[in-house]
């Protein structure tokens, strides 16, 4: 077994701003696991908001290199169980390793990962395209530069409804709104009424993650469906969200990879929740992993590859309003340069 790291700085096409801050460059770590002539690739982006750096991810994975080598022939889910106790404080590192193991597993078995799971691509959701917080003029410009049937609008300002009203003048596409925990319950109730009239499909994480009392009121009074993001980080959060949200948005980096992410999807569905998987501005390596889950999802936010200028890999791509899968096994990923 050979373990390699490929750190990159992904350059964003536009400054990306949400209620937590702004960035022009997205650091990311690609993990490569090679065994018996096959190489699997996994990815997790670094984020200061969650205290995660590329260097910390590498250091934590290196500490268990011998454990990985000794168990490289196990199923990915079995290796996840062995590595979880060592990486549970760093789910981003766990995610990159787990995705690499799944890609390797698919390549060793000479099948795309979704086929190994018994899934098919007959009915899969289309990703939204994210418009970050900016001046209204710049947000309109981003929509004009990238015509798309489905936009996620990042909000969290004092003029959120006015922003959406202005954007609506320039497109008939469906909007999803992500407030990134910036509203109060009363604000969200009122905003939902106005946004429903503007063809908004749902509200994502309107309140702070731990404002369960506010969510109870909002769940009763909102005229739009509510999707949990910051309130649904790990597996144990899924059950908590039932009765407070209508759906959950799972981030593979936050929960620790495809292994727990797939379990969260099935748990959410068993509770009657709508299920979405979102990205953290990953390259095509991370996006191709999310794509394997598409047949299980109601919604998806996998526009990371569309938001960056210097993608590092070939794999599952999104263009012409469709998701295109390569004729390769595993997650379908190959790095452009190694």
Protein backbone atom coordinates (compact mmCIF):
# COMPACT_ATOMS: atom_id res chain seq x y z
CA UNK A 1 0.00 0.00 0.00
CA UNK A 2 1.22 3.48 -0.85
CA UNK A 3 -0.20 6.65 0.68
CA UNK A 4 0.33 10.01 -1.03
CA UNK A 5 -0.94 13.54 -0.47
CA UNK A 6 -1.61 16.20 -3.10
CA UNK A 7 -2.36 19.62 -1.53
CA UNK A 8 -3.80 22.26 -3.85
CA UNK A 9 -5.07 25.82 -3.69
CA UNK A 10 -8.27 25.92 -5.73
CA UNK A 11 -8.75 29.38 -7.28
CA UNK A 12 -12.36 30.56 -7.20
CA UNK A 13 -13.87 32.23 -10.28
CA UNK A 14 -15.52 34.84 -8.04
CA UNK A 15 -14.93 35.92 -4.44
CA UNK A 16 -17.22 33.60 -2.47
CA UNK A 17 -19.01 35.25 0.44
CA UNK A 18 -21.44 33.73 2.92
CA UNK A 19 -22.52 35.01 6.33
CA UNK A 20 -19.38 33.40 7.88
CA UNK A 21 -16.83 35.25 5.68
CA UNK A 22 -15.24 35.58 2.20
CA UNK A 23 -12.55 33.71 0.24
CA UNK A 24 -10.85 33.76 -3.17
CA UNK A 25 -8.79 30.60 -2.72
CA UNK A 26 -9.93 27.26 -1.34
CA UNK A 27 -7.14 25.04 0.07
CA UNK A 28 -7.82 21.33 -0.39
CA UNK A 29 -6.15 17.98 0.22
CA UNK A 30 -6.29 15.03 -2.18
CA UNK A 31 -5.45 11.68 -0.57
CA UNK A 32 -4.23 8.87 -2.87
CA UNK A 33 -4.28 5.23 -1.76
CA UNK A 34 -2.51 2.78 -4.11
CA UNK A 35 -2.59 -0.99 -3.90
CA UNK A 36 -2.01 -3.81 -6.40
CA UNK A 37 -1.91 -1.48 -9.39
CA UNK A 38 -5.00 0.59 -8.52
CA UNK A 39 -5.18 4.09 -7.01
CA UNK A 40 -8.15 5.59 -5.20
CA UNK A 41 -8.52 9.34 -4.65
CA UNK A 42 -10.33 11.18 -1.87
CA UNK A 43 -10.65 14.87 -0.97
CA UNK A 44 -11.51 17.23 1.84
CA UNK A 45 -11.25 21.01 1.67
CA UNK A 46 -9.71 22.93 4.57
CA UNK A 47 -11.75 25.59 6.33
CA UNK A 48 -10.69 27.96 9.10
CA UNK A 49 -14.34 28.25 10.23
CA UNK A 50 -14.14 24.62 11.38
CA UNK A 51 -10.46 24.86 12.44
CA UNK A 52 -9.32 22.42 9.74
CA UNK A 53 -6.04 22.85 7.81
CA UNK A 54 -4.43 20.79 5.05
CA UNK A 55 -1.38 20.23 7.28
CA UNK A 56 -3.49 18.92 10.17
CA UNK A 57 -5.35 16.50 7.89
CA UNK A 58 -2.07 15.12 6.52
CA UNK A 59 -0.52 14.77 9.98
CA UNK A 60 -3.54 12.93 11.41
CA UNK A 61 -3.74 10.47 8.49
CA UNK A 62 0.02 9.81 8.62
CA UNK A 63 -0.31 8.75 12.28
CA UNK A 64 -2.40 5.75 11.18
CA UNK A 65 -0.57 4.88 7.94
CA UNK A 66 0.44 1.44 9.23
CA UNK A 67 -3.15 0.70 10.34
CA UNK A 68 -4.38 1.58 6.83
CA UNK A 69 -1.67 -0.55 5.17
CA UNK A 70 -2.46 -3.59 7.34
CA UNK A 71 -6.17 -3.40 6.47
CA UNK A 72 -6.14 -2.12 2.88
CA UNK A 73 -8.01 -5.20 1.59
CA UNK A 74 -11.00 -4.68 3.86
CA UNK A 75 -14.30 -3.24 2.64
CA UNK A 76 -14.33 0.61 2.90
CA UNK A 77 -16.96 0.50 5.64
CA UNK A 78 -14.80 -1.91 7.69
CA UNK A 79 -11.72 0.32 7.35
CA UNK A 80 -13.86 3.34 8.38
CA UNK A 81 -14.81 1.56 11.62
CA UNK A 82 -11.13 0.89 12.37
CA UNK A 83 -9.96 4.44 11.57
CA UNK A 84 -12.88 6.32 13.14
CA UNK A 85 -11.54 6.09 16.75
CA UNK A 86 -8.27 7.71 15.57
CA UNK A 87 -9.80 10.41 13.34
CA UNK A 88 -13.13 11.18 15.02
CA UNK A 89 -11.83 14.60 16.07
CA UNK A 90 -10.90 15.34 12.44
CA UNK A 91 -13.86 14.21 10.28
CA UNK A 92 -12.43 16.13 7.28
CA UNK A 93 -9.34 13.86 7.27
CA UNK A 94 -11.58 10.83 7.83
CA UNK A 95 -13.69 11.91 4.83
CA UNK A 96 -10.72 12.24 2.46
CA UNK A 97 -9.44 8.80 3.51
CA UNK A 98 -12.88 7.15 3.27
CA UNK A 99 -13.56 8.53 -0.23
CA UNK A 100 -10.12 7.34 -1.41
CA UNK A 101 -10.87 3.88 0.00
CA UNK A 102 -14.26 3.76 -1.76
CA UNK A 103 -12.68 4.82 -5.07
CA UNK A 104 -9.98 2.16 -4.66
CA UNK A 105 -12.64 -0.43 -3.79
CA UNK A 106 -14.61 0.34 -6.96
CA UNK A 107 -11.49 0.24 -9.15
CA UNK A 108 -10.37 -3.08 -7.62
CA UNK A 109 -13.82 -4.55 -8.32
CA UNK A 110 -13.87 -2.98 -11.80
CA UNK A 111 -17.22 -1.22 -11.39
CA UNK A 112 -18.40 2.34 -10.82
CA UNK A 113 -19.13 2.79 -7.15
CA UNK A 114 -22.86 3.49 -7.62
CA UNK A 115 -23.19 0.18 -9.50
CA UNK A 116 -21.46 -1.68 -6.67
CA UNK A 117 -24.14 -0.21 -4.39
CA UNK A 118 -26.89 -1.54 -6.71
CA UNK A 119 -27.94 1.94 -7.88
CA UNK A 120 -28.67 3.26 -11.38
CA UNK A 121 -28.70 6.74 -12.92
CA UNK A 122 -32.20 6.70 -14.44
CA UNK A 123 -33.53 9.42 -12.14
CA UNK A 124 -31.06 11.81 -10.50
CA UNK A 125 -31.42 15.41 -9.31
CA UNK A 126 -29.65 18.34 -10.96
CA UNK A 127 -27.31 20.43 -8.87
CA UNK A 128 -28.08 24.01 -8.00
CA UNK A 129 -25.53 26.74 -8.84
CA UNK A 130 -24.57 28.90 -5.86
CA UNK A 131 -24.67 32.70 -5.87
CA UNK A 132 -22.68 34.00 -2.88
CA UNK A 133 -23.42 37.21 -0.99
CA UNK A 134 -22.35 40.27 -2.97
CA UNK A 135 -23.73 43.60 -4.19
CA UNK A 136 -27.03 43.05 -5.98
CA UNK A 137 -25.40 44.19 -9.22
CA UNK A 138 -22.68 41.54 -8.88
CA UNK A 139 -25.20 38.83 -7.97
CA UNK A 140 -27.23 39.69 -11.09
CA UNK A 141 -24.03 39.61 -13.14
CA UNK A 142 -23.16 36.11 -11.83
CA UNK A 143 -26.62 34.87 -12.85
CA UNK A 144 -26.21 36.35 -16.33
CA UNK A 145 -22.74 34.81 -16.68
CA UNK A 146 -24.03 31.35 -15.77
CA UNK A 147 -27.61 30.72 -16.95
CA UNK A 148 -28.93 27.73 -14.96
CA UNK A 149 -32.38 26.39 -14.04
CA UNK A 150 -31.67 26.20 -10.30
CA UNK A 151 -29.78 28.68 -8.11
CA UNK A 152 -28.92 28.59 -4.42
CA UNK A 153 -28.86 32.18 -3.15
CA UNK A 154 -26.67 32.82 -0.12
CA UNK A 155 -28.25 35.38 2.20
CA UNK A 156 -27.76 36.76 5.71
CA UNK A 157 -28.03 40.55 5.29
CA UNK A 158 -30.57 43.15 6.42
CA UNK A 159 -32.01 43.33 2.89
CA UNK A 160 -32.47 39.66 2.04
CA UNK A 161 -36.01 39.83 0.63
CA UNK A 162 -35.16 42.95 -1.40
CA UNK A 163 -32.14 41.11 -2.86
CA UNK A 164 -34.26 38.17 -4.00
CA UNK A 165 -36.90 40.51 -5.44
CA UNK A 166 -34.23 42.18 -7.56
CA UNK A 167 -32.72 38.86 -8.69
CA UNK A 168 -36.16 37.57 -9.64
CA UNK A 169 -36.42 40.38 -12.23
CA UNK A 170 -33.56 38.78 -14.18
CA UNK A 171 -34.43 35.06 -14.27
CA UNK A 172 -37.36 32.66 -14.00
CA UNK A 173 -35.14 29.89 -12.60
CA UNK A 174 -36.02 28.26 -9.28
CA UNK A 175 -34.28 29.74 -6.22
CA UNK A 176 -33.18 27.98 -3.05
CA UNK A 177 -32.23 30.26 -0.17
CA UNK A 178 -29.44 29.54 2.34
CA UNK A 179 -29.31 31.99 5.24
CA UNK A 180 -26.38 30.18 6.93
CA UNK A 181 -27.93 30.61 10.40
CA UNK A 182 -28.24 34.41 10.11
CA UNK A 183 -31.97 34.93 10.84
CA UNK A 184 -34.20 34.86 13.92
CA UNK A 185 -37.35 32.73 13.99
CA UNK A 186 -39.62 35.78 13.58
CA UNK A 187 -37.52 37.06 10.67
CA UNK A 188 -37.62 33.65 9.02
CA UNK A 189 -41.42 33.36 9.33
CA UNK A 190 -41.91 36.73 7.63
CA UNK A 191 -39.17 36.19 5.03
CA UNK A 192 -40.65 32.81 4.10
CA UNK A 193 -43.98 34.42 3.21
CA UNK A 194 -42.32 36.93 0.87
CA UNK A 195 -39.88 34.43 -0.61
CA UNK A 196 -42.59 31.89 -1.42
CA UNK A 197 -44.14 34.51 -3.71
CA UNK A 198 -40.76 34.81 -5.45
CA UNK A 199 -40.62 31.09 -6.41
CA UNK A 200 -38.20 30.05 -3.66
CA UNK A 201 -38.25 26.25 -3.22
CA UNK A 202 -36.98 25.98 0.38
CA UNK A 203 -35.01 27.68 3.15
CA UNK A 204 -31.72 26.15 4.26
CA UNK A 205 -30.51 26.63 7.86
CA UNK A 206 -32.33 29.90 8.62
CA UNK A 207 -31.53 29.88 12.37
CA UNK A 208 -28.48 29.18 14.53
CA UNK A 209 -27.68 25.47 14.74
CA UNK A 210 -28.68 25.15 18.40
CA UNK A 211 -31.84 27.29 18.26
CA UNK A 212 -34.23 24.36 18.59
CA UNK A 213 -36.93 26.44 20.30
CA UNK A 214 -36.88 28.87 17.39
CA UNK A 215 -36.97 25.99 14.91
CA UNK A 216 -40.03 24.55 16.63
CA UNK A 217 -41.89 27.83 16.07
CA UNK A 218 -40.60 28.13 12.50
CA UNK A 219 -41.52 24.52 11.67
CA UNK A 220 -45.10 25.31 12.75
CA UNK A 221 -45.41 28.63 10.96
CA UNK A 222 -43.14 28.58 7.89
CA UNK A 223 -44.86 28.48 4.50
CA UNK A 224 -41.66 27.08 2.95
CA UNK A 225 -39.93 23.75 3.65
CA UNK A 226 -36.89 23.94 5.95
CA UNK A 227 -33.61 22.11 5.32
CA UNK A 228 -31.00 21.56 8.07
CA UNK A 229 -27.32 22.16 7.35
CA UNK A 230 -25.34 23.35 10.39
CA UNK A 231 -27.93 21.55 12.59
CA UNK A 232 -27.15 18.20 10.89
CA UNK A 233 -23.42 17.55 11.01
CA UNK A 234 -23.01 13.94 12.15
CA UNK A 235 -25.06 10.76 12.20
CA UNK A 236 -26.65 11.35 15.59
CA UNK A 237 -28.03 14.71 14.37
CA UNK A 238 -30.39 13.19 11.78
CA UNK A 239 -32.96 11.98 14.30
CA UNK A 240 -32.84 15.33 16.16
CA UNK A 241 -33.88 17.16 12.98
CA UNK A 242 -37.12 15.22 12.50
CA UNK A 243 -40.00 17.42 13.61
CA UNK A 244 -37.89 20.59 13.32
CA UNK A 245 -36.88 20.47 9.65
CA UNK A 246 -38.45 18.98 6.51
CA UNK A 247 -35.09 17.79 5.22
CA UNK A 248 -31.34 17.59 5.81
CA UNK A 249 -28.29 18.70 3.83
CA UNK A 250 -25.41 16.28 4.48
CA UNK A 251 -21.79 17.39 3.96
CA UNK A 252 -19.40 14.45 3.52
CA UNK A 253 -16.47 16.45 4.91
CA UNK A 254 -18.32 17.28 8.12
CA UNK A 255 -19.75 13.81 8.81
CA UNK A 256 -16.60 11.83 7.90
CA UNK A 257 -17.09 10.54 4.36
CA UNK A 258 -19.27 8.34 2.18
CA UNK A 259 -19.64 5.61 4.81
CA UNK A 260 -21.52 7.73 7.42
CA UNK A 261 -23.03 9.94 4.70
CA UNK A 262 -24.81 6.99 3.10
CA UNK A 263 -26.09 5.85 6.48
CA UNK A 264 -27.40 9.39 7.18
CA UNK A 265 -29.28 9.39 3.86
CA UNK A 266 -31.02 6.11 4.67
CA UNK A 267 -31.80 7.24 8.22
CA UNK A 268 -33.24 10.53 6.98
CA UNK A 269 -35.44 8.79 4.46
CA UNK A 270 -36.70 6.37 7.12
CA UNK A 271 -37.79 9.41 9.15
CA UNK A 272 -39.64 10.94 6.20
CA UNK A 273 -37.08 13.72 5.66
CA UNK A 274 -36.05 15.04 2.25
CA UNK A 275 -32.34 14.44 1.70
CA UNK A 276 -29.73 16.65 0.06
CA UNK A 277 -25.95 16.30 -0.13
CA UNK A 278 -23.93 19.49 -0.34
CA UNK A 279 -20.34 20.34 -1.19
CA UNK A 280 -17.65 22.50 0.42
CA UNK A 281 -16.22 23.87 -2.87
CA UNK A 282 -14.34 20.65 -3.57
CA UNK A 283 -12.68 19.89 -6.91
CA UNK A 284 -13.95 17.13 -9.20
CA UNK A 285 -12.41 14.56 -6.81
CA UNK A 286 -14.90 15.38 -4.03
CA UNK A 287 -17.75 16.14 -6.44
CA UNK A 288 -17.37 12.73 -8.13
CA UNK A 289 -17.79 11.07 -4.73
CA UNK A 290 -21.01 13.00 -4.05
CA UNK A 291 -22.26 12.04 -7.53
CA UNK A 292 -22.22 8.33 -6.60
CA UNK A 293 -25.01 9.09 -4.11
CA UNK A 294 -27.26 10.93 -6.60
CA UNK A 295 -29.82 8.11 -7.10
CA UNK A 296 -30.55 8.27 -3.36
CA UNK A 297 -31.08 12.05 -3.18
CA UNK A 298 -33.96 14.50 -3.48
CA UNK A 299 -31.68 17.54 -3.91
CA UNK A 300 -27.96 18.06 -4.49
CA UNK A 301 -25.51 20.94 -4.24
CA UNK A 302 -22.42 19.72 -6.14
CA UNK A 303 -21.32 22.84 -7.99
CA UNK A 304 -17.77 22.93 -6.55
CA UNK A 305 -16.18 22.13 -9.91
CA UNK A 306 -18.20 24.93 -11.52
CA UNK A 307 -16.97 27.54 -9.04
CA UNK A 308 -13.20 27.01 -9.46
CA UNK A 309 -10.78 28.04 -12.23
CA UNK A 310 -8.12 25.34 -11.79
CA UNK A 311 -9.88 21.99 -11.37
CA UNK A 312 -7.34 19.27 -10.62
CA UNK A 313 -9.05 16.12 -11.91
CA UNK A 314 -11.20 14.49 -14.54
CA UNK A 315 -14.27 12.63 -13.30
CA UNK A 316 -17.98 13.37 -12.94
CA UNK A 317 -18.64 16.76 -14.57
CA UNK A 318 -21.67 19.05 -14.68
CA UNK A 319 -22.46 20.93 -17.89
CA UNK A 320 -25.32 21.49 -20.35
CA UNK A 321 -27.71 21.20 -17.38
CA UNK A 322 -26.77 17.53 -16.91
CA UNK A 323 -24.41 15.37 -14.85
CA UNK A 324 -21.91 13.46 -17.00
CA UNK A 325 -20.30 10.28 -15.65
CA UNK A 326 -17.01 9.05 -17.17
CA UNK A 327 -16.62 5.45 -18.31
CA UNK A 328 -14.30 4.61 -15.45
CA UNK A 329 -14.61 2.56 -12.28
CA UNK A 330 -14.73 3.67 -8.66
CA UNK A 331 -15.74 7.33 -8.43
CA UNK A 332 -14.35 7.82 -11.96
CA UNK A 333 -11.56 10.18 -10.89
CA UNK A 334 -8.12 10.61 -12.43
CA UNK A 335 -5.83 13.50 -11.45
CA UNK A 336 -4.69 15.73 -14.32
CA UNK A 337 -1.14 15.87 -12.89
CA UNK A 338 0.50 13.56 -10.35
